[in-house]
Amino acid sequence: MTKTTLTNAIQACVERGDKAFVPYIMAGDGGLTALKEQILFLQEAGVTAIELGIPFSDPVADGPVIQEAGERALSSGVTLRKVLKELTLFIDEVKVPLVIMSYLNPILSYGIREFVKDCGDSGVRGLIVPDLPLEESDLLRAELAGTEVALIQLVSLTSPPERIQKITAAGEGFIYAVTVNGITGVRDGFGDELQAHLEGLKAVSSVPVLAGFGISTPEQVQSIGAFADGVIVGSAIVDAFHRGDLRAVAALVKAAEKEVYS
């Protein structure tokens, strides 16, 4: 088994001149039965992979849109275990890699070994744990060894060069380059240092670099994607799905395609 499914999917986009587009959705927002419909819609729209957020009671990195989506999912009784079980019901229809974004506590409550096994059985090919620092990542890495599930590392704008070297050396799947200091959410603009940050990451990373946090418009997908291998869009996707605005979702995905991007 290898951890290259995500990497290969992103590299295939780059090689054909597109940018990778990874939407974030809150699993269970609208009920678990909506999950299949959302995933298959995004797949048909042409996304590279899909990040599935797991609702959590204390989401320290999440902005208001995603927090509210998590609260709606929690009120519907959505849990990490239920999400993975739901995915098994339509695994054969999903052709793009799935990435789970969960805080550490739900994984520990699940049981790491059982969680990793169920990820594999559910078609999950990537894992993001925003409150798990690199120094403690062996907690999961030991169980993930020999599986197809990549442990994705986040790099902040304030990470010093020596830490960036350590994080990129441990990178699997892709490097998640956080584009702002603070929580997720829609933003009007980004700092001047972002281009240098992304280009610096690409220079030292052996896996693709995707930019995320705050990217919310087709124009931002194009402008920020110019300096990375692709983008991750969360709050704008979550909000559009909640409002039933599928055209807005499709427009964001389209912005990463070569014909529009160039």
C-alpha atoms as a PDB file:
ATOM      1  CA  MET A   1       0.000   0.000   0.000  1.00  0.00           C
ATOM      2  CA  THR A   2       1.157   3.534  -0.718  1.00  0.00           C
ATOM      3  CA  LYS A   3       0.096   7.011   0.371  1.00  0.00           C
ATOM      4  CA  THR A   4       0.294   8.498  -3.123  1.00  0.00           C
ATOM      5  CA  THR A   5      -3.388   8.532  -4.081  1.00  0.00           C
ATOM      6  CA  LEU A   6      -3.846  12.159  -3.043  1.00  0.00           C
ATOM      7  CA  THR A   7      -0.466  13.232  -4.386  1.00  0.00           C
ATOM      8  CA  ASN A   8      -1.091  11.579  -7.737  1.00  0.00           C
ATOM      9  CA  ALA A   9      -4.536  13.157  -8.085  1.00  0.00           C
ATOM     10  CA  ILE A  10      -3.099  16.631  -7.462  1.00  0.00           C
ATOM     11  CA  GLN A  11      -0.119  16.091  -9.735  1.00  0.00           C
ATOM     12  CA  ALA A  12      -2.423  14.939 -12.536  1.00  0.00           C
ATOM     13  CA  CYS A  13      -4.229  18.310 -12.312  1.00  0.00           C
ATOM     14  CA  VAL A  14      -0.990  20.248 -12.422  1.00  0.00           C
ATOM     15  CA  GLU A  15       0.335  18.240 -15.358  1.00  0.00           C
ATOM     16  CA  ARG A  16      -2.706  19.063 -17.481  1.00  0.00           C
ATOM     17  CA  GLY A  17      -2.412  22.757 -16.622  1.00  0.00           C
ATOM     18  CA  ASP A  18      -5.192  22.974 -14.037  1.00  0.00           C
ATOM     19  CA  LYS A  19      -4.936  23.750 -10.342  1.00  0.00           C
ATOM     20  CA  ALA A  20      -6.112  21.219  -7.793  1.00  0.00           C
ATOM     21  CA  PHE A  21      -9.391  22.163  -6.147  1.00  0.00           C
ATOM     22  CA  VAL A  22     -10.293  20.618  -2.795  1.00  0.00           C
ATOM     23  CA  PRO A  23     -13.624  21.710  -1.306  1.00  0.00           C
ATOM     24  CA  TYR A  24     -14.313  21.388   2.406  1.00  0.00           C
ATOM     25  CA  ILE A  25     -17.772  20.342   3.526  1.00  0.00           C
ATOM     26  CA  MET A  26     -19.074  19.740   7.029  1.00  0.00           C
ATOM     27  CA  ALA A  27     -20.097  16.115   7.092  1.00  0.00           C
ATOM     28  CA  GLY A  28     -23.664  15.828   8.268  1.00  0.00           C
ATOM     29  CA  ASP A  29     -24.660  19.451   7.741  1.00  0.00           C
ATOM     30  CA  GLY A  30     -28.149  18.931   6.364  1.00  0.00           C
ATOM     31  CA  GLY A  31     -28.164  15.410   7.793  1.00  0.00           C
ATOM     32  CA  LEU A  32     -26.020  12.390   7.021  1.00  0.00           C
ATOM     33  CA  THR A  33     -28.255  11.465   4.106  1.00  0.00           C
ATOM     34  CA  ALA A  34     -27.099  14.667   2.356  1.00  0.00           C
ATOM     35  CA  LEU A  35     -23.480  13.518   2.403  1.00  0.00           C
ATOM     36  CA  LYS A  36     -23.716  11.239  -0.622  1.00  0.00           C
ATOM     37  CA  GLU A  37     -25.513  13.877  -2.693  1.00  0.00           C
ATOM     38  CA  GLN A  38     -22.927  16.547  -1.823  1.00  0.00           C
ATOM     39  CA  ILE A  39     -19.920  14.313  -2.523  1.00  0.00           C
ATOM     40  CA  LEU A  40     -21.270  13.097  -5.858  1.00  0.00           C
ATOM     41  CA  PHE A  41     -22.198  16.654  -6.902  1.00  0.00           C
ATOM     42  CA  LEU A  42     -18.665  17.855  -6.144  1.00  0.00           C
ATOM     43  CA  GLN A  43     -17.185  14.868  -7.950  1.00  0.00           C
ATOM     44  CA  GLU A  44     -19.269  15.595 -11.034  1.00  0.00           C
ATOM     45  CA  ALA A  45     -18.262  19.268 -10.845  1.00  0.00           C
ATOM     46  CA  GLY A  46     -14.636  18.224 -11.264  1.00  0.00           C
ATOM     47  CA  VAL A  47     -12.989  18.552  -7.851  1.00  0.00           C
ATOM     48  CA  THR A  48      -9.630  16.896  -7.206  1.00  0.00           C
ATOM     49  CA  ALA A  49     -10.411  15.571  -3.728  1.00  0.00           C
ATOM     50  CA  ILE A  50     -12.936  16.339  -0.991  1.00  0.00           C
ATOM     51  CA  GLU A  51     -12.211  17.321   2.597  1.00  0.00           C
ATOM     52  CA  LEU A  52     -14.858  16.158   5.065  1.00  0.00           C
ATOM     53  CA  GLY A  53     -14.996  18.078   8.314  1.00  0.00           C
ATOM     54  CA  ILE A  54     -16.116  16.213  11.414  1.00  0.00           C
ATOM     55  CA  PRO A  55     -18.313  18.263  13.762  1.00  0.00           C
ATOM     56  CA  PHE A  56     -16.690  18.985  17.125  1.00  0.00           C
ATOM     57  CA  SER A  57     -17.870  20.868  20.194  1.00  0.00           C
ATOM     58  CA  ASP A  58     -14.726  23.025  20.532  1.00  0.00           C
ATOM     59  CA  PRO A  59     -13.465  23.778  16.988  1.00  0.00           C
ATOM     60  CA  VAL A  60     -10.645  26.228  17.759  1.00  0.00           C
ATOM     61  CA  ALA A  61      -9.564  26.763  14.128  1.00  0.00           C
ATOM     62  CA  ASP A  62     -13.032  27.198  12.643  1.00  0.00           C
ATOM     63  CA  GLY A  63     -14.667  30.484  11.736  1.00  0.00           C
ATOM     64  CA  PRO A  64     -18.366  31.230  12.265  1.00  0.00           C
ATOM     65  CA  VAL A  65     -19.702  29.648   9.053  1.00  0.00           C
ATOM     66  CA  ILE A  66     -18.040  26.304   9.728  1.00  0.00           C
ATOM     67  CA  GLN A  67     -18.804  26.476  13.455  1.00  0.00           C
ATOM     68  CA  GLU A  68     -22.486  26.943  12.697  1.00  0.00           C
ATOM     69  CA  ALA A  69     -22.404  24.052  10.218  1.00  0.00           C
ATOM     70  CA  GLY A  70     -20.777  21.880  12.883  1.00  0.00           C
ATOM     71  CA  GLU A  71     -23.471  22.835  15.376  1.00  0.00           C
ATOM     72  CA  ARG A  72     -26.169  21.878  12.874  1.00  0.00           C
ATOM     73  CA  ALA A  73     -24.470  18.520  12.292  1.00  0.00           C
ATOM     74  CA  LEU A  74     -24.009  17.873  16.015  1.00  0.00           C
ATOM     75  CA  SER A  75     -27.675  18.673  16.640  1.00  0.00           C
ATOM     76  CA  SER A  76     -28.513  15.965  14.102  1.00  0.00           C
ATOM     77  CA  GLY A  77     -26.449  13.450  16.076  1.00  0.00           C
ATOM     78  CA  VAL A  78     -23.562  13.265  13.593  1.00  0.00           C
ATOM     79  CA  THR A  79     -20.376  11.624  14.869  1.00  0.00           C
ATOM     80  CA  LEU A  80     -17.079  10.539  13.340  1.00  0.00           C
ATOM     81  CA  ARG A  81     -18.144   6.900  13.526  1.00  0.00           C
ATOM     82  CA  LYS A  82     -21.452   7.598  11.790  1.00  0.00           C
ATOM     83  CA  VAL A  83     -19.727   9.542   9.016  1.00  0.00           C
ATOM     84  CA  LEU A  84     -17.314   6.706   8.227  1.00  0.00           C
ATOM     85  CA  LYS A  85     -20.147   4.176   8.304  1.00  0.00           C
ATOM     86  CA  GLU A  86     -22.207   6.339   5.930  1.00  0.00           C
ATOM     87  CA  LEU A  87     -19.296   6.536   3.483  1.00  0.00           C
ATOM     88  CA  THR A  88     -19.164   2.738   3.210  1.00  0.00           C
ATOM     89  CA  LEU A  89     -22.703   2.740   1.808  1.00  0.00           C
ATOM     90  CA  PHE A  90     -21.625   4.418  -1.442  1.00  0.00           C
ATOM     91  CA  ILE A  91     -17.866   3.861  -1.546  1.00  0.00           C
ATOM     92  CA  ASP A  92     -18.051   2.296  -5.004  1.00  0.00           C
ATOM     93  CA  GLU A  93     -19.494   5.512  -6.462  1.00  0.00           C
ATOM     94  CA  VAL A  94     -16.737   7.784  -5.157  1.00  0.00           C
ATOM     95  CA  LYS A  95     -13.834   8.182  -7.587  1.00  0.00           C
ATOM     96  CA  VAL A  96     -11.975  11.085  -5.945  1.00  0.00           C
ATOM     97  CA  PRO A  97      -9.859  10.822  -2.772  1.00  0.00           C
ATOM     98  CA  LEU A  98     -11.591  11.709   0.482  1.00  0.00           C
ATOM     99  CA  VAL A  99      -9.813  13.539   3.302  1.00  0.00           C
ATOM    100  CA  ILE A 100     -11.072  13.554   6.886  1.00  0.00           C
ATOM    101  CA  MET A 101     -10.504  16.736   8.916  1.00  0.00           C
ATOM    102  CA  SER A 102     -10.998  15.950  12.586  1.00  0.00           C
ATOM    103  CA  TYR A 103      -9.735  17.286  15.852  1.00  0.00           C
ATOM    104  CA  LEU A 104      -7.795  14.761  17.890  1.00  0.00           C
ATOM    105  CA  ASN A 105     -10.296  14.091  20.644  1.00  0.00           C
ATOM    106  CA  PRO A 106     -12.933  12.337  18.472  1.00  0.00           C
ATOM    107  CA  ILE A 107     -10.182  10.089  17.075  1.00  0.00           C
ATOM    108  CA  LEU A 108      -8.956   9.164  20.549  1.00  0.00           C
ATOM    109  CA  SER A 109     -12.518   8.488  21.663  1.00  0.00           C
ATOM    110  CA  TYR A 110     -13.031   6.295  18.599  1.00  0.00           C
ATOM    111  CA  GLY A 111      -9.828   4.324  19.247  1.00  0.00           C
ATOM    112  CA  ILE A 112      -6.906   5.005  16.923  1.00  0.00           C
ATOM    113  CA  ARG A 113      -6.510   1.482  15.567  1.00  0.00           C
ATOM    114  CA  GLU A 114     -10.213   1.040  14.853  1.00  0.00           C
ATOM    115  CA  PHE A 115     -10.428   4.537  13.377  1.00  0.00           C
ATOM    116  CA  VAL A 116      -7.560   3.893  10.960  1.00  0.00           C
ATOM    117  CA  LYS A 117      -9.091   0.588   9.859  1.00  0.00           C
ATOM    118  CA  ASP A 118     -12.489   2.182   9.285  1.00  0.00           C
ATOM    119  CA  CYS A 119     -10.888   5.027   7.315  1.00  0.00           C
ATOM    120  CA  GLY A 120      -9.416   2.488   4.934  1.00  0.00           C
ATOM    121  CA  ASP A 121     -12.737   0.675   4.628  1.00  0.00           C
ATOM    122  CA  SER A 122     -14.508   3.990   3.890  1.00  0.00           C
ATOM    123  CA  GLY A 123     -12.270   5.110   1.036  1.00  0.00           C
ATOM    124  CA  VAL A 124     -10.503   7.804   3.065  1.00  0.00           C
ATOM    125  CA  ARG A 125      -7.067   8.616   1.650  1.00  0.00           C
ATOM    126  CA  GLY A 126      -6.031  11.581   3.783  1.00  0.00           C
ATOM    127  CA  LEU A 127      -6.253  12.826   7.359  1.00  0.00           C
ATOM    128  CA  ILE A 128      -5.902  16.364   8.728  1.00  0.00           C
ATOM    129  CA  VAL A 129      -5.735  16.859  12.503  1.00  0.00           C
ATOM    130  CA  PRO A 130      -5.301  20.598  13.139  1.00  0.00           C
ATOM    131  CA  ASP A 131      -4.610  20.263  16.866  1.00  0.00           C
ATOM    132  CA  LEU A 132      -1.966  17.532  16.488  1.00  0.00           C
ATOM    133  CA  PRO A 133       1.525  19.085  16.344  1.00  0.00           C
ATOM    134  CA  LEU A 134       4.262  17.411  14.336  1.00  0.00           C
ATOM    135  CA  GLU A 135       6.118  16.479  17.527  1.00  0.00           C
ATOM    136  CA  GLU A 136       3.188  14.337  18.672  1.00  0.00           C
ATOM    137  CA  SER A 137       2.162  12.955  15.288  1.00  0.00           C
ATOM    138  CA  ASP A 138       3.716   9.537  15.944  1.00  0.00           C
ATOM    139  CA  LEU A 139       0.577   8.916  17.967  1.00  0.00           C
ATOM    140  CA  LEU A 140      -1.217   8.417  14.643  1.00  0.00           C
ATOM    141  CA  ARG A 141       1.673   7.832  12.279  1.00  0.00           C
ATOM    142  CA  ALA A 142       2.485   4.444  13.798  1.00  0.00           C
ATOM    143  CA  GLU A 143      -1.011   3.118  13.044  1.00  0.00           C
ATOM    144  CA  LEU A 144      -1.176   4.793   9.627  1.00  0.00           C
ATOM    145  CA  ALA A 145       2.063   3.126   8.503  1.00  0.00           C
ATOM    146  CA  GLY A 146       1.315   0.533   5.829  1.00  0.00           C
ATOM    147  CA  THR A 147      -2.053   2.077   4.969  1.00  0.00           C
ATOM    148  CA  GLU A 148      -3.157   4.302   2.093  1.00  0.00           C
ATOM    149  CA  VAL A 149      -4.145   7.120   4.466  1.00  0.00           C
ATOM    150  CA  ALA A 150      -1.767  10.099   4.280  1.00  0.00           C
ATOM    151  CA  LEU A 151      -1.254  12.265   7.376  1.00  0.00           C
ATOM    152  CA  ILE A 152      -1.378  15.800   5.987  1.00  0.00           C
ATOM    153  CA  GLN A 153       0.693  18.520   7.646  1.00  0.00           C
ATOM    154  CA  LEU A 154      -0.298  22.164   8.047  1.00  0.00           C
ATOM    155  CA  VAL A 155       2.215  25.012   7.740  1.00  0.00           C
ATOM    156  CA  SER A 156       1.401  28.475   9.037  1.00  0.00           C
ATOM    157  CA  LEU A 157       2.549  31.840   7.737  1.00  0.00           C
ATOM    158  CA  THR A 158       4.634  32.300  10.865  1.00  0.00           C
ATOM    159  CA  SER A 159       6.472  28.949  10.749  1.00  0.00           C
ATOM    160  CA  PRO A 160      10.261  29.569  10.794  1.00  0.00           C
ATOM    161  CA  PRO A 161      12.423  27.993   8.044  1.00  0.00           C
ATOM    162  CA  GLU A 162      13.796  25.222  10.247  1.00  0.00           C
ATOM    163  CA  ARG A 163      10.296  24.134  11.236  1.00  0.00           C
ATOM    164  CA  ILE A 164       9.112  24.278   7.642  1.00  0.00           C
ATOM    165  CA  GLN A 165      11.943  21.907   6.742  1.00  0.00           C
ATOM    166  CA  LYS A 166      10.800  19.432   9.406  1.00  0.00           C
ATOM    167  CA  ILE A 167       7.149  19.660   8.443  1.00  0.00           C
ATOM    168  CA  THR A 168       7.722  19.289   4.707  1.00  0.00           C
ATOM    169  CA  ALA A 169      10.076  16.354   5.315  1.00  0.00           C
ATOM    170  CA  ALA A 170       7.202  14.594   7.076  1.00  0.00           C
ATOM    171  CA  GLY A 171       4.687  15.619   4.405  1.00  0.00           C
ATOM    172  CA  GLU A 172       2.308  13.053   2.946  1.00  0.00           C
ATOM    173  CA  GLY A 173      -0.470  13.606   0.405  1.00  0.00           C
ATOM    174  CA  PHE A 174       0.024  17.354   0.239  1.00  0.00           C
ATOM    175  CA  ILE A 175       1.178  20.246   2.400  1.00  0.00           C
ATOM    176  CA  TYR A 176      -1.682  22.405   3.684  1.00  0.00           C
ATOM    177  CA  ALA A 177      -0.383  25.978   3.522  1.00  0.00           C
ATOM    178  CA  VAL A 178      -2.460  28.175   5.810  1.00  0.00           C
ATOM    179  CA  THR A 179      -2.849  31.515   4.041  1.00  0.00           C
ATOM    180  CA  VAL A 180      -3.822  33.707   7.013  1.00  0.00           C
ATOM    181  CA  ASN A 181      -3.124  34.033  10.702  1.00  0.00           C
ATOM    182  CA  GLY A 182      -6.307  33.138  12.525  1.00  0.00           C
ATOM    183  CA  ILE A 183      -9.438  31.081  11.985  1.00  0.00           C
ATOM    184  CA  THR A 184     -11.155  29.990   8.795  1.00  0.00           C
ATOM    185  CA  GLY A 185     -13.628  32.265   7.056  1.00  0.00           C
ATOM    186  CA  VAL A 186     -14.225  34.586   4.124  1.00  0.00           C
ATOM    187  CA  ARG A 187     -11.663  37.388   3.676  1.00  0.00           C
ATOM    188  CA  ASP A 188     -11.385  40.347   1.344  1.00  0.00           C
ATOM    189  CA  GLY A 189      -7.638  40.057   0.813  1.00  0.00           C
ATOM    190  CA  PHE A 190      -4.369  38.456   1.807  1.00  0.00           C
ATOM    191  CA  GLY A 191      -0.987  39.732   2.956  1.00  0.00           C
ATOM    192  CA  ASP A 192       1.833  40.584   0.569  1.00  0.00           C
ATOM    193  CA  GLU A 193       3.993  37.887   2.139  1.00  0.00           C
ATOM    194  CA  LEU A 194       1.743  35.067   0.906  1.00  0.00           C
ATOM    195  CA  GLN A 195       3.347  34.669  -2.533  1.00  0.00           C
ATOM    196  CA  ALA A 196       6.834  34.276  -1.084  1.00  0.00           C
ATOM    197  CA  HIS A 197       5.503  31.880   1.560  1.00  0.00           C
ATOM    198  CA  LEU A 198       3.840  29.596  -0.997  1.00  0.00           C
ATOM    199  CA  GLU A 199       6.743  29.670  -3.425  1.00  0.00           C
ATOM    200  CA  GLY A 200       9.136  28.897  -0.587  1.00  0.00           C
ATOM    201  CA  LEU A 201       7.078  25.900   0.467  1.00  0.00           C
ATOM    202  CA  LYS A 202       6.964  24.557  -3.081  1.00  0.00           C
ATOM    203  CA  ALA A 203      10.748  24.853  -3.305  1.00  0.00           C
ATOM    204  CA  VAL A 204      11.338  22.543  -0.325  1.00  0.00           C
ATOM    205  CA  SER A 205       8.325  20.191  -0.389  1.00  0.00           C
ATOM    206  CA  SER A 206       8.413  16.796  -2.079  1.00  0.00           C
ATOM    207  CA  VAL A 207       4.584  16.702  -2.167  1.00  0.00           C
ATOM    208  CA  PRO A 208       2.190  19.272  -3.672  1.00  0.00           C
ATOM    209  CA  VAL A 209       1.395  22.478  -1.786  1.00  0.00           C
ATOM    210  CA  LEU A 210      -2.242  23.547  -1.465  1.00  0.00           C
ATOM    211  CA  ALA A 211      -3.318  26.904  -0.056  1.00  0.00           C
ATOM    212  CA  GLY A 212      -6.303  27.181   2.259  1.00  0.00           C
ATOM    213  CA  PHE A 213      -8.165  29.398   4.780  1.00  0.00           C
ATOM    214  CA  GLY A 214     -10.104  32.423   3.626  1.00  0.00           C
ATOM    215  CA  ILE A 215     -10.268  31.635  -0.094  1.00  0.00           C
ATOM    216  CA  SER A 216     -13.864  32.366  -1.019  1.00  0.00           C
ATOM    217  CA  THR A 217     -14.222  33.723  -4.567  1.00  0.00           C
ATOM    218  CA  PRO A 218     -13.294  32.491  -8.061  1.00  0.00           C
ATOM    219  CA  GLU A 219     -10.885  35.443  -8.315  1.00  0.00           C
ATOM    220  CA  GLN A 220      -9.088  34.365  -5.129  1.00  0.00           C
ATOM    221  CA  VAL A 221      -8.941  30.774  -6.375  1.00  0.00           C
ATOM    222  CA  GLN A 222      -7.087  32.057  -9.422  1.00  0.00           C
ATOM    223  CA  SER A 223      -4.853  34.657  -7.754  1.00  0.00           C
ATOM    224  CA  ILE A 224      -3.713  32.467  -4.861  1.00  0.00           C
ATOM    225  CA  GLY A 225      -3.646  29.304  -6.946  1.00  0.00           C
ATOM    226  CA  ALA A 226      -1.062  30.985  -9.177  1.00  0.00           C
ATOM    227  CA  PHE A 227       1.543  30.449  -6.456  1.00  0.00           C
ATOM    228  CA  ALA A 228       0.506  26.959  -5.292  1.00  0.00           C
ATOM    229  CA  ASP A 229      -0.438  23.600  -6.768  1.00  0.00           C
ATOM    230  CA  GLY A 230      -4.045  24.165  -5.826  1.00  0.00           C
ATOM    231  CA  VAL A 231      -6.465  25.551  -3.274  1.00  0.00           C
ATOM    232  CA  ILE A 232      -8.779  24.420  -0.501  1.00  0.00           C
ATOM    233  CA  VAL A 233     -12.083  26.278  -0.149  1.00  0.00           C
ATOM    234  CA  GLY A 234     -14.177  25.792   2.966  1.00  0.00           C
ATOM    235  CA  SER A 235     -16.505  28.467   4.322  1.00  0.00           C
ATOM    236  CA  ALA A 236     -17.742  29.590   0.900  1.00  0.00           C
ATOM    237  CA  ILE A 237     -18.573  25.984  -0.074  1.00  0.00           C
ATOM    238  CA  VAL A 238     -20.257  25.242   3.262  1.00  0.00           C
ATOM    239  CA  ASP A 239     -22.328  28.415   3.012  1.00  0.00           C
ATOM    240  CA  ALA A 240     -23.317  27.762  -0.607  1.00  0.00           C
ATOM    241  CA  PHE A 241     -24.485  24.229   0.162  1.00  0.00           C
ATOM    242  CA  HIS A 242     -26.441  25.485   3.174  1.00  0.00           C
ATOM    243  CA  ARG A 243     -28.193  28.059   0.964  1.00  0.00           C
ATOM    244  CA  GLY A 244     -28.722  25.506  -1.814  1.00  0.00           C
ATOM    245  CA  ASP A 245     -26.669  27.617  -4.238  1.00  0.00           C
ATOM    246  CA  LEU A 246     -25.063  24.887  -6.325  1.00  0.00           C
ATOM    247  CA  ARG A 247     -24.134  27.374  -9.064  1.00  0.00           C
ATOM    248  CA  ALA A 248     -21.816  29.161  -6.619  1.00  0.00           C
ATOM    249  CA  VAL A 249     -20.147  25.849  -5.762  1.00  0.00           C
ATOM    250  CA  ALA A 250     -19.634  24.985  -9.436  1.00  0.00           C
ATOM    251  CA  ALA A 251     -18.225  28.462 -10.197  1.00  0.00           C
ATOM    252  CA  LEU A 252     -15.555  28.067  -7.526  1.00  0.00           C
ATOM    253  CA  VAL A 253     -14.515  24.669  -8.906  1.00  0.00           C
ATOM    254  CA  LYS A 254     -14.472  26.019 -12.469  1.00  0.00           C
ATOM    255  CA  ALA A 255     -12.043  28.773 -11.470  1.00  0.00           C
ATOM    256  CA  ALA A 256      -9.293  26.192 -10.983  1.00  0.00           C
ATOM    257  CA  GLU A 257      -9.546  24.876 -14.544  1.00  0.00           C
ATOM    258  CA  LYS A 258      -6.920  25.755 -17.119  1.00  0.00           C
ATOM    259  CA  GLU A 259      -9.313  27.435 -19.558  1.00  0.00           C
ATOM    260  CA  VAL A 260     -10.460  29.921 -16.928  1.00  0.00           C
ATOM    261  CA  TYR A 261      -7.250  30.084 -14.961  1.00  0.00           C
ATOM    262  CA  SER A 262      -5.021  31.030 -17.883  1.00  0.00           C
END
